Amino acid sequence: MNYLLPLLAVLFGYVFALVLKPEKKTNIKLLLAFSGSFLLSLTVMHLLPEVYETHNHHIGIFIMVGILFQIVLEFFSKGAEHGHVHGHSEMATIPWLLFISLCIHAFLEGFPVSRHNDLALGIAIHHFPIAIILTAFFLNAKLSKISIFIFMVTFAAMTPLGTAFSKYLPFLNDYYTEITAIVIGILFHISSTIIFETTEGHKFNIQKVSMIILGIILASFI
């Protein structure tokens, strides 16, 4: 299931947007808020204690590297990892910078899943609304359906591929703690951005706060 959940989440999000063509952004934003708090809670409750239990005195540096690396990725992806895609001009081909940065992000997210099956659920919940937003954006930009399909299927495969690399390549396993710390930094940045972004009116509303609390509560039971 740790391979299937992230994969299916993106594919379901793709089909959902393709068939239903959702127009209400409010519900997607609430789902994003839930996914952000759920993912952040799993990171703090499971991944963070694990890397610090290794007594590696440089863990904090690797976490900060992850945060900075995600900032660099977002320079190319324009924040698509947390639901920000802008622009309405038509596209003739796949936006390659967006594609590559998202794939790198998703690949790295899969690395700690090899030892934390519960994280697969968090990533799946995170990727589902992102897949809806990306598909809707590409449809509005008149990108060909074949290109959208290739983009989304490849994106869906990246997290399971990262998990497989982590599990079956001994060289990467030698640096599991350091890579996981980098992933923690990435997840910190992504999830906190989702949570603390303001809604319309530049303030939290009760619905968003409720979804954040719900994500924290549910993560605490895993």
N, C-alpha and C. Protein backbone atom coordinates (compact mmCIF):
# COMPACT_ATOMS: atom_id res chain seq x y z
N MET A 1 0.81 -1.22 0.00
CA MET A 1 0.00 0.00 0.00
C MET A 1 0.85 1.27 0.00
N ASN A 2 2.06 1.21 0.55
CA ASN A 2 2.89 2.41 0.57
C ASN A 2 3.34 2.81 -0.83
N TYR A 3 3.25 1.89 -1.80
CA TYR A 3 3.49 2.25 -3.19
C TYR A 3 2.22 2.73 -3.87
N LEU A 4 1.11 2.09 -3.56
CA LEU A 4 -0.14 2.36 -4.27
C LEU A 4 -0.81 3.66 -3.86
N LEU A 5 -0.79 4.00 -2.56
CA LEU A 5 -1.55 5.15 -2.09
C LEU A 5 -1.13 6.46 -2.77
N PRO A 6 0.15 6.82 -2.78
CA PRO A 6 0.52 8.07 -3.46
C PRO A 6 0.23 8.03 -4.96
N LEU A 7 0.41 6.85 -5.57
CA LEU A 7 0.16 6.70 -7.00
C LEU A 7 -1.32 6.92 -7.31
N LEU A 8 -2.18 6.21 -6.58
CA LEU A 8 -3.62 6.28 -6.83
C LEU A 8 -4.19 7.65 -6.50
N ALA A 9 -3.63 8.32 -5.49
CA ALA A 9 -4.14 9.63 -5.09
C ALA A 9 -4.03 10.62 -6.24
N VAL A 10 -2.88 10.62 -6.93
CA VAL A 10 -2.69 11.53 -8.07
C VAL A 10 -3.61 11.14 -9.22
N LEU A 11 -3.71 9.85 -9.50
CA LEU A 11 -4.55 9.41 -10.61
C LEU A 11 -6.03 9.69 -10.34
N PHE A 12 -6.49 9.49 -9.10
CA PHE A 12 -7.87 9.81 -8.74
C PHE A 12 -8.13 11.31 -8.86
N GLY A 13 -7.15 12.11 -8.41
CA GLY A 13 -7.29 13.56 -8.52
C GLY A 13 -7.37 13.99 -9.98
N TYR A 14 -6.57 13.36 -10.82
CA TYR A 14 -6.59 13.65 -12.25
C TYR A 14 -7.94 13.32 -12.87
N VAL A 15 -8.44 12.12 -12.58
CA VAL A 15 -9.74 11.70 -13.13
C VAL A 15 -10.87 12.58 -12.57
N PHE A 16 -10.80 12.90 -11.28
CA PHE A 16 -11.80 13.74 -10.63
C PHE A 16 -11.92 15.08 -11.35
N ALA A 17 -10.78 15.73 -11.61
CA ALA A 17 -10.79 17.03 -12.28
C ALA A 17 -11.20 16.91 -13.73
N LEU A 18 -10.81 15.81 -14.36
CA LEU A 18 -11.13 15.61 -15.78
C LEU A 18 -12.62 15.40 -15.99
N VAL A 19 -13.25 14.65 -15.08
CA VAL A 19 -14.66 14.30 -15.24
C VAL A 19 -15.58 15.37 -14.67
N LEU A 20 -15.30 15.82 -13.45
CA LEU A 20 -16.22 16.73 -12.75
C LEU A 20 -15.93 18.21 -13.00
N LYS A 21 -14.70 18.51 -13.41
CA LYS A 21 -14.30 19.90 -13.66
C LYS A 21 -14.74 20.84 -12.53
N PRO A 22 -14.21 20.62 -11.32
CA PRO A 22 -14.66 21.42 -10.16
C PRO A 22 -14.31 22.89 -10.33
N GLU A 23 -15.26 23.75 -9.99
CA GLU A 23 -15.07 25.19 -10.13
C GLU A 23 -14.96 25.90 -8.79
N LYS A 24 -15.47 25.28 -7.72
CA LYS A 24 -15.42 25.90 -6.41
C LYS A 24 -14.04 25.70 -5.78
N LYS A 25 -13.30 26.80 -5.63
CA LYS A 25 -11.95 26.71 -5.07
C LYS A 25 -11.96 26.56 -3.55
N THR A 26 -13.06 26.96 -2.92
CA THR A 26 -13.12 26.94 -1.46
C THR A 26 -12.93 25.53 -0.91
N ASN A 27 -13.63 24.56 -1.50
CA ASN A 27 -13.53 23.18 -1.02
C ASN A 27 -12.12 22.62 -1.21
N ILE A 28 -11.48 22.98 -2.33
CA ILE A 28 -10.12 22.52 -2.59
C ILE A 28 -9.16 23.12 -1.56
N LYS A 29 -9.36 24.39 -1.23
CA LYS A 29 -8.50 25.04 -0.24
C LYS A 29 -8.65 24.41 1.14
N LEU A 30 -9.88 24.02 1.48
CA LEU A 30 -10.10 23.35 2.77
C LEU A 30 -9.42 22.00 2.79
N LEU A 31 -9.49 21.28 1.68
CA LEU A 31 -8.82 19.98 1.58
C LEU A 31 -7.30 20.17 1.66
N LEU A 32 -6.79 21.23 1.06
CA LEU A 32 -5.37 21.53 1.15
C LEU A 32 -4.96 21.82 2.60
N ALA A 33 -5.80 22.59 3.30
CA ALA A 33 -5.50 22.92 4.70
C ALA A 33 -5.44 21.66 5.55
N PHE A 34 -6.39 20.74 5.32
CA PHE A 34 -6.38 19.47 6.04
C PHE A 34 -5.13 18.66 5.71
N SER A 35 -4.81 18.58 4.42
CA SER A 35 -3.65 17.78 4.01
C SER A 35 -2.35 18.37 4.57
N GLY A 36 -2.27 19.71 4.60
CA GLY A 36 -1.07 20.34 5.13
C GLY A 36 -0.87 20.06 6.61
N SER A 37 -1.93 20.17 7.40
CA SER A 37 -1.81 19.92 8.84
C SER A 37 -1.56 18.44 9.12
N PHE A 38 -2.19 17.57 8.35
CA PHE A 38 -2.01 16.12 8.52
C PHE A 38 -0.56 15.73 8.21
N LEU A 39 -0.04 16.26 7.11
CA LEU A 39 1.33 15.94 6.70
C LEU A 39 2.35 16.51 7.69
N LEU A 40 2.13 17.74 8.13
CA LEU A 40 3.03 18.36 9.10
C LEU A 40 3.03 17.59 10.42
N SER A 41 1.85 17.15 10.85
CA SER A 41 1.74 16.40 12.10
C SER A 41 2.48 15.07 12.02
N LEU A 42 2.34 14.36 10.89
CA LEU A 42 3.06 13.10 10.71
C LEU A 42 4.57 13.33 10.72
N THR A 43 4.99 14.42 10.09
CA THR A 43 6.42 14.74 10.04
C THR A 43 6.98 15.00 11.44
N VAL A 44 6.26 15.80 12.23
CA VAL A 44 6.71 16.16 13.58
C VAL A 44 6.64 14.97 14.52
N MET A 45 5.59 14.15 14.40
CA MET A 45 5.37 13.05 15.35
C MET A 45 6.18 11.80 15.03
N HIS A 46 6.55 11.61 13.76
CA HIS A 46 7.21 10.35 13.38
C HIS A 46 8.62 10.56 12.82
N LEU A 47 8.74 11.40 11.79
CA LEU A 47 10.05 11.54 11.14
C LEU A 47 11.05 12.31 11.99
N LEU A 48 10.61 13.40 12.58
CA LEU A 48 11.54 14.25 13.34
C LEU A 48 12.16 13.52 14.53
N PRO A 49 11.37 12.83 15.36
CA PRO A 49 12.00 12.09 16.47
C PRO A 49 12.99 11.04 16.00
N GLU A 50 12.67 10.39 14.87
CA GLU A 50 13.55 9.33 14.38
C GLU A 50 14.93 9.85 14.01
N VAL A 51 15.00 10.97 13.28
CA VAL A 51 16.31 11.45 12.84
C VAL A 51 17.12 12.01 14.01
N TYR A 52 16.44 12.55 15.01
CA TYR A 52 17.19 13.09 16.15
C TYR A 52 17.63 11.98 17.11
N GLU A 53 16.98 10.82 17.06
CA GLU A 53 17.39 9.69 17.88
C GLU A 53 18.73 9.12 17.41
N THR A 54 19.15 9.45 16.20
CA THR A 54 20.43 8.96 15.69
C THR A 54 21.61 9.70 16.32
N HIS A 55 21.33 10.81 17.02
CA HIS A 55 22.37 11.63 17.67
C HIS A 55 23.37 12.19 16.67
N ASN A 56 22.89 12.39 15.45
CA ASN A 56 23.71 13.05 14.43
C ASN A 56 23.63 14.56 14.68
N HIS A 57 24.75 15.16 15.01
CA HIS A 57 24.75 16.57 15.40
C HIS A 57 24.54 17.53 14.22
N HIS A 58 24.52 16.98 13.02
CA HIS A 58 24.34 17.83 11.83
C HIS A 58 22.93 17.73 11.25
N ILE A 59 22.02 17.06 11.94
CA ILE A 59 20.67 16.86 11.43
C ILE A 59 19.98 18.19 11.14
N GLY A 60 20.14 19.14 12.05
CA GLY A 60 19.50 20.44 11.86
C GLY A 60 19.93 21.12 10.57
N ILE A 61 21.21 20.94 10.21
CA ILE A 61 21.72 21.52 8.97
C ILE A 61 21.02 20.90 7.76
N PHE A 62 20.86 19.57 7.79
CA PHE A 62 20.20 18.89 6.67
C PHE A 62 18.73 19.30 6.55
N ILE A 63 18.07 19.52 7.68
CA ILE A 63 16.68 19.99 7.64
C ILE A 63 16.61 21.37 6.98
N MET A 64 17.53 22.24 7.35
CA MET A 64 17.56 23.57 6.74
C MET A 64 17.90 23.50 5.25
N VAL A 65 18.76 22.54 4.88
CA VAL A 65 19.06 22.33 3.46
C VAL A 65 17.78 21.95 2.71
N GLY A 66 16.96 21.11 3.34
CA GLY A 66 15.69 20.71 2.73
C GLY A 66 14.76 21.90 2.52
N ILE A 67 14.69 22.78 3.51
CA ILE A 67 13.85 23.97 3.39
C ILE A 67 14.34 24.86 2.24
N LEU A 68 15.64 25.09 2.20
CA LEU A 68 16.21 25.93 1.14
C LEU A 68 16.06 25.29 -0.23
N PHE A 69 16.23 23.96 -0.28
CA PHE A 69 16.09 23.25 -1.55
C PHE A 69 14.67 23.37 -2.09
N GLN A 70 13.68 23.29 -1.19
CA GLN A 70 12.29 23.42 -1.62
C GLN A 70 12.01 24.83 -2.13
N ILE A 71 12.62 25.82 -1.50
CA ILE A 71 12.47 27.21 -1.97
C ILE A 71 13.01 27.34 -3.40
N VAL A 72 14.14 26.69 -3.67
CA VAL A 72 14.72 26.71 -5.01
C VAL A 72 13.79 26.01 -5.99
N LEU A 73 13.25 24.85 -5.61
CA LEU A 73 12.32 24.13 -6.48
C LEU A 73 11.10 24.99 -6.81
N GLU A 74 10.63 25.73 -5.82
CA GLU A 74 9.43 26.54 -6.04
C GLU A 74 9.70 27.73 -6.95
N PHE A 75 10.95 28.10 -7.10
CA PHE A 75 11.29 29.14 -8.06
C PHE A 75 10.92 28.70 -9.47
N PHE A 76 11.01 27.37 -9.71
CA PHE A 76 10.68 26.82 -11.03
C PHE A 76 9.24 26.33 -11.10
N SER A 77 8.73 25.79 -10.00
CA SER A 77 7.36 25.24 -10.01
C SER A 77 6.31 26.30 -9.73
N LYS A 78 6.74 27.47 -9.25
CA LYS A 78 5.83 28.57 -8.91
C LYS A 78 4.83 28.20 -7.80
N GLY A 79 5.24 27.27 -6.92
CA GLY A 79 4.40 26.92 -5.78
C GLY A 79 3.34 25.89 -6.05
N ALA A 80 3.47 25.13 -7.13
CA ALA A 80 2.46 24.12 -7.46
C ALA A 80 2.37 23.03 -6.40
N GLU A 81 3.46 22.82 -5.63
CA GLU A 81 3.46 21.78 -4.60
C GLU A 81 2.46 22.06 -3.49
N HIS A 82 2.12 23.32 -3.30
CA HIS A 82 1.10 23.63 -2.29
C HIS A 82 -0.11 24.32 -2.90
N GLY A 83 -0.38 24.00 -4.17
CA GLY A 83 -1.65 24.42 -4.77
C GLY A 83 -1.65 25.76 -5.46
N HIS A 84 -0.48 26.31 -5.74
CA HIS A 84 -0.40 27.60 -6.42
C HIS A 84 0.02 27.40 -7.87
N VAL A 85 -0.91 27.58 -8.76
CA VAL A 85 -0.57 27.63 -10.19
C VAL A 85 -1.28 28.84 -10.76
N HIS A 86 -0.52 29.65 -11.49
CA HIS A 86 -1.05 30.90 -11.99
C HIS A 86 -0.88 30.98 -13.50
N GLY A 87 -1.66 31.89 -14.05
CA GLY A 87 -1.56 32.12 -15.49
C GLY A 87 -2.68 31.44 -16.25
N HIS A 88 -3.13 32.05 -17.29
CA HIS A 88 -4.25 31.51 -18.06
C HIS A 88 -3.92 31.41 -19.55
N SER A 89 -2.66 31.65 -19.93
CA SER A 89 -2.30 31.57 -21.33
C SER A 89 -2.27 30.12 -21.79
N GLU A 90 -2.54 29.92 -23.05
CA GLU A 90 -2.57 28.57 -23.59
C GLU A 90 -1.16 27.99 -23.67
N MET A 91 -1.07 26.65 -23.51
CA MET A 91 0.21 25.96 -23.54
C MET A 91 0.26 25.02 -24.73
N ALA A 92 1.37 25.07 -25.46
CA ALA A 92 1.53 24.16 -26.59
C ALA A 92 2.19 22.85 -26.15
N THR A 93 3.06 22.94 -25.14
CA THR A 93 3.77 21.76 -24.67
C THR A 93 3.77 21.72 -23.14
N ILE A 94 4.23 20.61 -22.61
CA ILE A 94 4.36 20.46 -21.16
C ILE A 94 5.31 21.52 -20.61
N PRO A 95 4.93 22.21 -19.53
CA PRO A 95 5.86 23.18 -18.90
C PRO A 95 6.97 22.41 -18.18
N TRP A 96 8.11 22.30 -18.83
CA TRP A 96 9.15 21.38 -18.37
C TRP A 96 9.75 21.74 -17.02
N LEU A 97 9.94 23.02 -16.76
CA LEU A 97 10.50 23.41 -15.46
C LEU A 97 9.57 23.01 -14.33
N LEU A 98 8.27 23.24 -14.52
CA LEU A 98 7.27 22.82 -13.54
C LEU A 98 7.29 21.31 -13.37
N PHE A 99 7.34 20.61 -14.50
CA PHE A 99 7.33 19.15 -14.50
C PHE A 99 8.52 18.57 -13.74
N ILE A 100 9.73 19.05 -14.05
CA ILE A 100 10.94 18.52 -13.43
C ILE A 100 10.98 18.82 -11.94
N SER A 101 10.63 20.04 -11.55
CA SER A 101 10.68 20.41 -10.13
C SER A 101 9.66 19.62 -9.32
N LEU A 102 8.47 19.41 -9.88
CA LEU A 102 7.46 18.62 -9.17
C LEU A 102 7.89 17.16 -9.04
N CYS A 103 8.51 16.63 -10.08
CA CYS A 103 8.96 15.23 -10.04
C CYS A 103 10.07 15.04 -9.00
N ILE A 104 11.01 15.99 -8.93
CA ILE A 104 12.06 15.91 -7.92
C ILE A 104 11.45 15.95 -6.52
N HIS A 105 10.51 16.87 -6.33
CA HIS A 105 9.83 17.00 -5.04
C HIS A 105 9.14 15.70 -4.65
N ALA A 106 8.36 15.13 -5.58
CA ALA A 106 7.60 13.91 -5.30
C ALA A 106 8.53 12.72 -5.08
N PHE A 107 9.62 12.65 -5.84
CA PHE A 107 10.58 11.56 -5.70
C PHE A 107 11.19 11.56 -4.29
N LEU A 108 11.63 12.71 -3.83
CA LEU A 108 12.24 12.81 -2.51
C LEU A 108 11.24 12.49 -1.40
N GLU A 109 9.99 12.89 -1.58
CA GLU A 109 8.96 12.58 -0.59
C GLU A 109 8.81 11.09 -0.37
N GLY A 110 9.07 10.31 -1.40
CA GLY A 110 8.90 8.86 -1.30
C GLY A 110 9.98 8.16 -0.50
N PHE A 111 11.10 8.83 -0.27
CA PHE A 111 12.24 8.15 0.35
C PHE A 111 11.93 7.61 1.75
N PRO A 112 11.42 8.43 2.69
CA PRO A 112 11.16 7.89 4.04
C PRO A 112 9.96 6.96 4.12
N VAL A 113 9.15 6.89 3.05
CA VAL A 113 7.98 6.01 3.06
C VAL A 113 8.40 4.55 3.19
N SER A 114 9.61 4.23 2.75
CA SER A 114 10.09 2.84 2.81
C SER A 114 10.13 2.32 4.24
N ARG A 115 10.25 3.21 5.23
CA ARG A 115 10.28 2.80 6.64
C ARG A 115 9.11 3.37 7.44
N HIS A 116 8.28 4.18 6.79
CA HIS A 116 7.13 4.79 7.48
C HIS A 116 5.91 4.67 6.58
N ASN A 117 5.20 3.55 6.70
CA ASN A 117 4.04 3.34 5.85
C ASN A 117 2.96 4.40 6.07
N ASP A 118 2.88 4.92 7.31
CA ASP A 118 1.85 5.91 7.60
C ASP A 118 2.08 7.20 6.80
N LEU A 119 3.32 7.49 6.43
CA LEU A 119 3.61 8.69 5.66
C LEU A 119 3.03 8.60 4.25
N ALA A 120 2.88 7.38 3.75
CA ALA A 120 2.28 7.21 2.42
C ALA A 120 0.86 7.78 2.39
N LEU A 121 0.13 7.60 3.49
CA LEU A 121 -1.22 8.14 3.58
C LEU A 121 -1.19 9.66 3.58
N GLY A 122 -0.25 10.24 4.34
CA GLY A 122 -0.13 11.70 4.40
C GLY A 122 0.21 12.29 3.04
N ILE A 123 1.13 11.66 2.33
CA ILE A 123 1.52 12.15 1.01
C ILE A 123 0.37 11.99 0.03
N ALA A 124 -0.36 10.89 0.14
CA ALA A 124 -1.52 10.67 -0.74
C ALA A 124 -2.58 11.76 -0.53
N ILE A 125 -2.86 12.07 0.72
CA ILE A 125 -3.84 13.11 1.02
C ILE A 125 -3.35 14.47 0.53
N HIS A 126 -2.04 14.68 0.58
CA HIS A 126 -1.44 15.92 0.09
C HIS A 126 -1.50 16.01 -1.43
N HIS A 127 -1.24 14.90 -2.12
CA HIS A 127 -1.16 14.91 -3.58
C HIS A 127 -2.52 14.96 -4.26
N PHE A 128 -3.56 14.47 -3.58
CA PHE A 128 -4.89 14.42 -4.21
C PHE A 128 -5.39 15.80 -4.64
N PRO A 129 -5.44 16.80 -3.73
CA PRO A 129 -5.89 18.13 -4.18
C PRO A 129 -4.92 18.79 -5.15
N ILE A 130 -3.62 18.50 -5.00
CA ILE A 130 -2.64 19.07 -5.93
C ILE A 130 -2.91 18.56 -7.35
N ALA A 131 -3.23 17.27 -7.47
CA ALA A 131 -3.53 16.68 -8.78
C ALA A 131 -4.77 17.32 -9.38
N ILE A 132 -5.78 17.59 -8.56
CA ILE A 132 -6.99 18.25 -9.05
C ILE A 132 -6.67 19.64 -9.57
N ILE A 133 -5.91 20.40 -8.79
CA ILE A 133 -5.57 21.77 -9.17
C ILE A 133 -4.72 21.80 -10.44
N LEU A 134 -3.73 20.92 -10.53
CA LEU A 134 -2.87 20.89 -11.71
C LEU A 134 -3.65 20.51 -12.96
N THR A 135 -4.50 19.49 -12.85
CA THR A 135 -5.28 19.05 -14.01
C THR A 135 -6.22 20.15 -14.48
N ALA A 136 -6.90 20.78 -13.54
CA ALA A 136 -7.82 21.86 -13.89
C ALA A 136 -7.06 23.01 -14.56
N PHE A 137 -5.88 23.32 -14.03
CA PHE A 137 -5.06 24.39 -14.60
C PHE A 137 -4.66 24.07 -16.03
N PHE A 138 -4.20 22.84 -16.27
CA PHE A 138 -3.76 22.46 -17.61
C PHE A 138 -4.93 22.43 -18.59
N LEU A 139 -6.09 21.99 -18.12
CA LEU A 139 -7.27 21.99 -18.98
C LEU A 139 -7.64 23.41 -19.39
N ASN A 140 -7.60 24.33 -18.43
CA ASN A 140 -7.91 25.73 -18.72
C ASN A 140 -6.88 26.35 -19.65
N ALA A 141 -5.64 25.87 -19.55
CA ALA A 141 -4.56 26.39 -20.41
C ALA A 141 -4.54 25.72 -21.77
N LYS A 142 -5.51 24.83 -22.03
CA LYS A 142 -5.65 24.17 -23.34
C LYS A 142 -4.48 23.26 -23.68
N LEU A 143 -3.80 22.75 -22.65
CA LEU A 143 -2.76 21.75 -22.91
C LEU A 143 -3.43 20.48 -23.40
N SER A 144 -2.82 19.81 -24.34
CA SER A 144 -3.46 18.61 -24.92
C SER A 144 -3.69 17.56 -23.84
N LYS A 145 -4.76 16.79 -23.99
CA LYS A 145 -5.10 15.78 -22.99
C LYS A 145 -4.04 14.68 -22.91
N ILE A 146 -3.38 14.41 -24.02
CA ILE A 146 -2.30 13.42 -23.99
C ILE A 146 -1.14 13.94 -23.13
N SER A 147 -0.80 15.21 -23.29
CA SER A 147 0.28 15.79 -22.50
C SER A 147 -0.07 15.82 -21.02
N ILE A 148 -1.33 16.16 -20.72
CA ILE A 148 -1.78 16.17 -19.32
C ILE A 148 -1.67 14.78 -18.73
N PHE A 149 -2.09 13.79 -19.49
CA PHE A 149 -2.03 12.40 -19.02
C PHE A 149 -0.59 11.98 -18.74
N ILE A 150 0.32 12.28 -19.66
CA ILE A 150 1.73 11.93 -19.46
C ILE A 150 2.28 12.63 -18.23
N PHE A 151 1.98 13.91 -18.09
CA PHE A 151 2.44 14.69 -16.94
C PHE A 151 1.97 14.06 -15.64
N MET A 152 0.67 13.78 -15.53
CA MET A 152 0.10 13.32 -14.28
C MET A 152 0.52 11.89 -13.94
N VAL A 153 0.62 11.03 -14.93
CA VAL A 153 1.05 9.64 -14.68
C VAL A 153 2.50 9.61 -14.21
N THR A 154 3.34 10.41 -14.84
CA THR A 154 4.74 10.48 -14.42
C THR A 154 4.86 11.04 -13.02
N PHE A 155 4.13 12.12 -12.75
CA PHE A 155 4.11 12.71 -11.41
C PHE A 155 3.64 11.69 -10.38
N ALA A 156 2.61 10.92 -10.72
CA ALA A 156 2.07 9.90 -9.82
C ALA A 156 3.10 8.82 -9.50
N ALA A 157 3.94 8.50 -10.46
CA ALA A 157 4.91 7.41 -10.28
C ALA A 157 6.13 7.82 -9.48
N MET A 158 6.38 9.11 -9.32
CA MET A 158 7.62 9.59 -8.71
C MET A 158 7.77 9.19 -7.24
N THR A 159 6.72 9.35 -6.44
CA THR A 159 6.82 9.00 -5.02
C THR A 159 7.05 7.50 -4.81
N PRO A 160 6.28 6.61 -5.48
CA PRO A 160 6.60 5.18 -5.37
C PRO A 160 8.00 4.85 -5.86
N LEU A 161 8.48 5.57 -6.88
CA LEU A 161 9.83 5.34 -7.38
C LEU A 161 10.87 5.72 -6.33
N GLY A 162 10.63 6.83 -5.64
CA GLY A 162 11.53 7.23 -4.56
C GLY A 162 11.55 6.20 -3.44
N THR A 163 10.38 5.64 -3.13
CA THR A 163 10.30 4.60 -2.11
C THR A 163 11.08 3.36 -2.53
N ALA A 164 10.95 2.98 -3.79
CA ALA A 164 11.66 1.79 -4.30
C ALA A 164 13.17 2.01 -4.27
N PHE A 165 13.62 3.20 -4.67
CA PHE A 165 15.05 3.50 -4.63
C PHE A 165 15.58 3.40 -3.20
N SER A 166 14.81 3.93 -2.26
CA SER A 166 15.23 3.92 -0.86
C SER A 166 15.33 2.50 -0.32
N LYS A 167 14.42 1.66 -0.77
CA LYS A 167 14.35 0.30 -0.22
C LYS A 167 15.39 -0.63 -0.84
N TYR A 168 15.68 -0.47 -2.12
CA TYR A 168 16.46 -1.47 -2.83
C TYR A 168 17.88 -1.03 -3.22
N LEU A 169 18.22 0.24 -2.99
CA LEU A 169 19.58 0.68 -3.30
C LEU A 169 20.37 0.88 -2.02
N PRO A 170 21.30 -0.01 -1.71
CA PRO A 170 22.07 0.07 -0.46
C PRO A 170 22.82 1.39 -0.31
N PHE A 171 23.30 1.93 -1.42
CA PHE A 171 24.06 3.18 -1.35
C PHE A 171 23.21 4.30 -0.73
N LEU A 172 21.95 4.39 -1.15
CA LEU A 172 21.07 5.43 -0.61
C LEU A 172 20.72 5.15 0.85
N ASN A 173 20.61 3.86 1.18
CA ASN A 173 20.28 3.51 2.57
C ASN A 173 21.38 3.93 3.54
N ASP A 174 22.61 4.00 3.05
CA ASP A 174 23.71 4.46 3.90
C ASP A 174 23.52 5.90 4.35
N TYR A 175 22.75 6.64 3.57
CA TYR A 175 22.51 8.06 3.87
C TYR A 175 21.03 8.31 4.17
N TYR A 176 20.36 7.28 4.67
CA TYR A 176 18.92 7.39 4.93
C TYR A 176 18.60 8.54 5.88
N THR A 177 19.34 8.66 6.98
CA THR A 177 19.06 9.70 7.98
C THR A 177 19.21 11.09 7.39
N GLU A 178 20.29 11.32 6.65
CA GLU A 178 20.53 12.64 6.08
C GLU A 178 19.47 13.00 5.03
N ILE A 179 19.14 12.03 4.16
CA ILE A 179 18.13 12.30 3.13
C ILE A 179 16.77 12.53 3.77
N THR A 180 16.44 11.74 4.80
CA THR A 180 15.17 11.93 5.50
C THR A 180 15.10 13.30 6.14
N ALA A 181 16.22 13.77 6.69
CA ALA A 181 16.25 15.11 7.28
C ALA A 181 15.98 16.17 6.23
N ILE A 182 16.53 15.99 5.03
CA ILE A 182 16.26 16.92 3.93
C ILE A 182 14.78 16.89 3.57
N VAL A 183 14.20 15.68 3.52
CA VAL A 183 12.78 15.55 3.23
C VAL A 183 11.93 16.22 4.31
N ILE A 184 12.36 16.11 5.55
CA ILE A 184 11.65 16.79 6.65
C ILE A 184 11.62 18.30 6.39
N GLY A 185 12.75 18.85 5.98
CA GLY A 185 12.79 20.27 5.65
C GLY A 185 11.83 20.63 4.52
N ILE A 186 11.79 19.78 3.51
CA ILE A 186 10.87 19.99 2.39
C ILE A 186 9.43 19.96 2.86
N LEU A 187 9.09 18.95 3.68
CA LEU A 187 7.71 18.81 4.17
C LEU A 187 7.35 19.95 5.12
N PHE A 188 8.30 20.38 5.93
CA PHE A 188 8.07 21.54 6.80
C PHE A 188 7.64 22.75 5.98
N HIS A 189 8.41 23.01 4.95
CA HIS A 189 8.14 24.19 4.14
C HIS A 189 6.78 24.09 3.43
N ILE A 190 6.54 22.94 2.80
CA ILE A 190 5.30 22.76 2.05
C ILE A 190 4.08 22.85 2.96
N SER A 191 4.09 22.06 4.04
CA SER A 191 2.91 21.98 4.90
C SER A 191 2.66 23.28 5.65
N SER A 192 3.72 23.91 6.13
CA SER A 192 3.52 25.17 6.86
C SER A 192 3.04 26.27 5.94
N THR A 193 3.50 26.26 4.68
CA THR A 193 3.02 27.25 3.71
C THR A 193 1.53 27.08 3.48
N ILE A 194 1.09 25.84 3.34
CA ILE A 194 -0.33 25.57 3.14
C ILE A 194 -1.14 26.05 4.35
N ILE A 195 -0.66 25.73 5.54
CA ILE A 195 -1.41 26.04 6.76
C ILE A 195 -1.49 27.53 7.01
N PHE A 196 -0.37 28.22 6.86
CA PHE A 196 -0.32 29.61 7.29
C PHE A 196 -0.60 30.62 6.19
N GLU A 197 -0.84 30.12 4.98
CA GLU A 197 -1.28 31.05 3.95
C GLU A 197 -2.62 31.64 4.33
N THR A 198 -2.82 32.88 4.05
CA THR A 198 -4.09 33.53 4.38
C THR A 198 -5.13 33.19 3.33
N THR A 199 -6.38 33.21 3.75
CA THR A 199 -7.49 33.03 2.85
C THR A 199 -7.92 34.40 2.35
N GLU A 200 -9.00 34.43 1.58
CA GLU A 200 -9.52 35.71 1.13
C GLU A 200 -9.82 36.59 2.34
N GLY A 201 -9.45 37.83 2.27
CA GLY A 201 -9.64 38.71 3.42
C GLY A 201 -8.45 38.72 4.34
N HIS A 202 -7.40 37.89 4.01
CA HIS A 202 -6.16 37.86 4.78
C HIS A 202 -6.39 37.48 6.25
N LYS A 203 -7.24 36.49 6.48
CA LYS A 203 -7.44 36.02 7.84
C LYS A 203 -7.95 34.59 7.79
N PHE A 204 -7.71 33.85 8.87
CA PHE A 204 -8.24 32.50 8.97
C PHE A 204 -9.75 32.55 9.13
N ASN A 205 -10.42 31.54 8.62
CA ASN A 205 -11.84 31.40 8.91
C ASN A 205 -12.05 30.11 9.68
N ILE A 206 -13.20 29.97 10.26
CA ILE A 206 -13.48 28.85 11.16
C ILE A 206 -13.41 27.51 10.44
N GLN A 207 -13.78 27.49 9.15
CA GLN A 207 -13.73 26.24 8.40
C GLN A 207 -12.28 25.77 8.23
N LYS A 208 -11.41 26.71 7.88
CA LYS A 208 -10.02 26.34 7.66
C LYS A 208 -9.36 25.90 8.97
N VAL A 209 -9.63 26.63 10.05
CA VAL A 209 -9.07 26.25 11.35
C VAL A 209 -9.56 24.87 11.76
N SER A 210 -10.83 24.59 11.50
CA SER A 210 -11.41 23.28 11.85
C SER A 210 -10.72 22.16 11.08
N MET A 211 -10.44 22.38 9.80
CA MET A 211 -9.77 21.37 8.99
C MET A 211 -8.33 21.14 9.46
N ILE A 212 -7.67 22.21 9.88
CA ILE A 212 -6.30 22.09 10.40
C ILE A 212 -6.30 21.26 11.68
N ILE A 213 -7.24 21.56 12.58
CA ILE A 213 -7.34 20.82 13.85
C ILE A 213 -7.67 19.36 13.59
N LEU A 214 -8.57 19.13 12.63
CA LEU A 214 -8.95 17.75 12.29
C LEU A 214 -7.75 16.96 11.78
N GLY A 215 -6.93 17.60 10.93
CA GLY A 215 -5.74 16.93 10.42
C GLY A 215 -4.77 16.56 11.52
N ILE A 216 -4.60 17.46 12.49
CA ILE A 216 -3.70 17.19 13.61
C ILE A 216 -4.22 16.04 14.47
N ILE A 217 -5.51 16.06 14.75
CA ILE A 217 -6.12 15.02 15.59
C ILE A 217 -6.00 13.64 14.94
N LEU A 218 -6.35 13.56 13.66
CA LEU A 218 -6.30 12.27 12.97
C LEU A 218 -4.86 11.74 12.88
N ALA A 219 -3.92 12.63 12.64
CA ALA A 219 -2.52 12.20 12.55
C ALA A 219 -2.02 11.66 13.90
N SER A 220 -2.56 12.17 14.99
CA SER A 220 -2.11 11.75 16.32
C SER A 220 -2.52 10.31 16.63
N PHE A 221 -3.50 9.77 15.89
CA PHE A 221 -3.97 8.41 16.11
C PHE A 221 -3.20 7.39 15.27
N ILE A 222 -2.34 7.86 14.40
CA ILE A 222 -1.62 6.95 13.50
C ILE A 222 -0.27 6.55 14.10
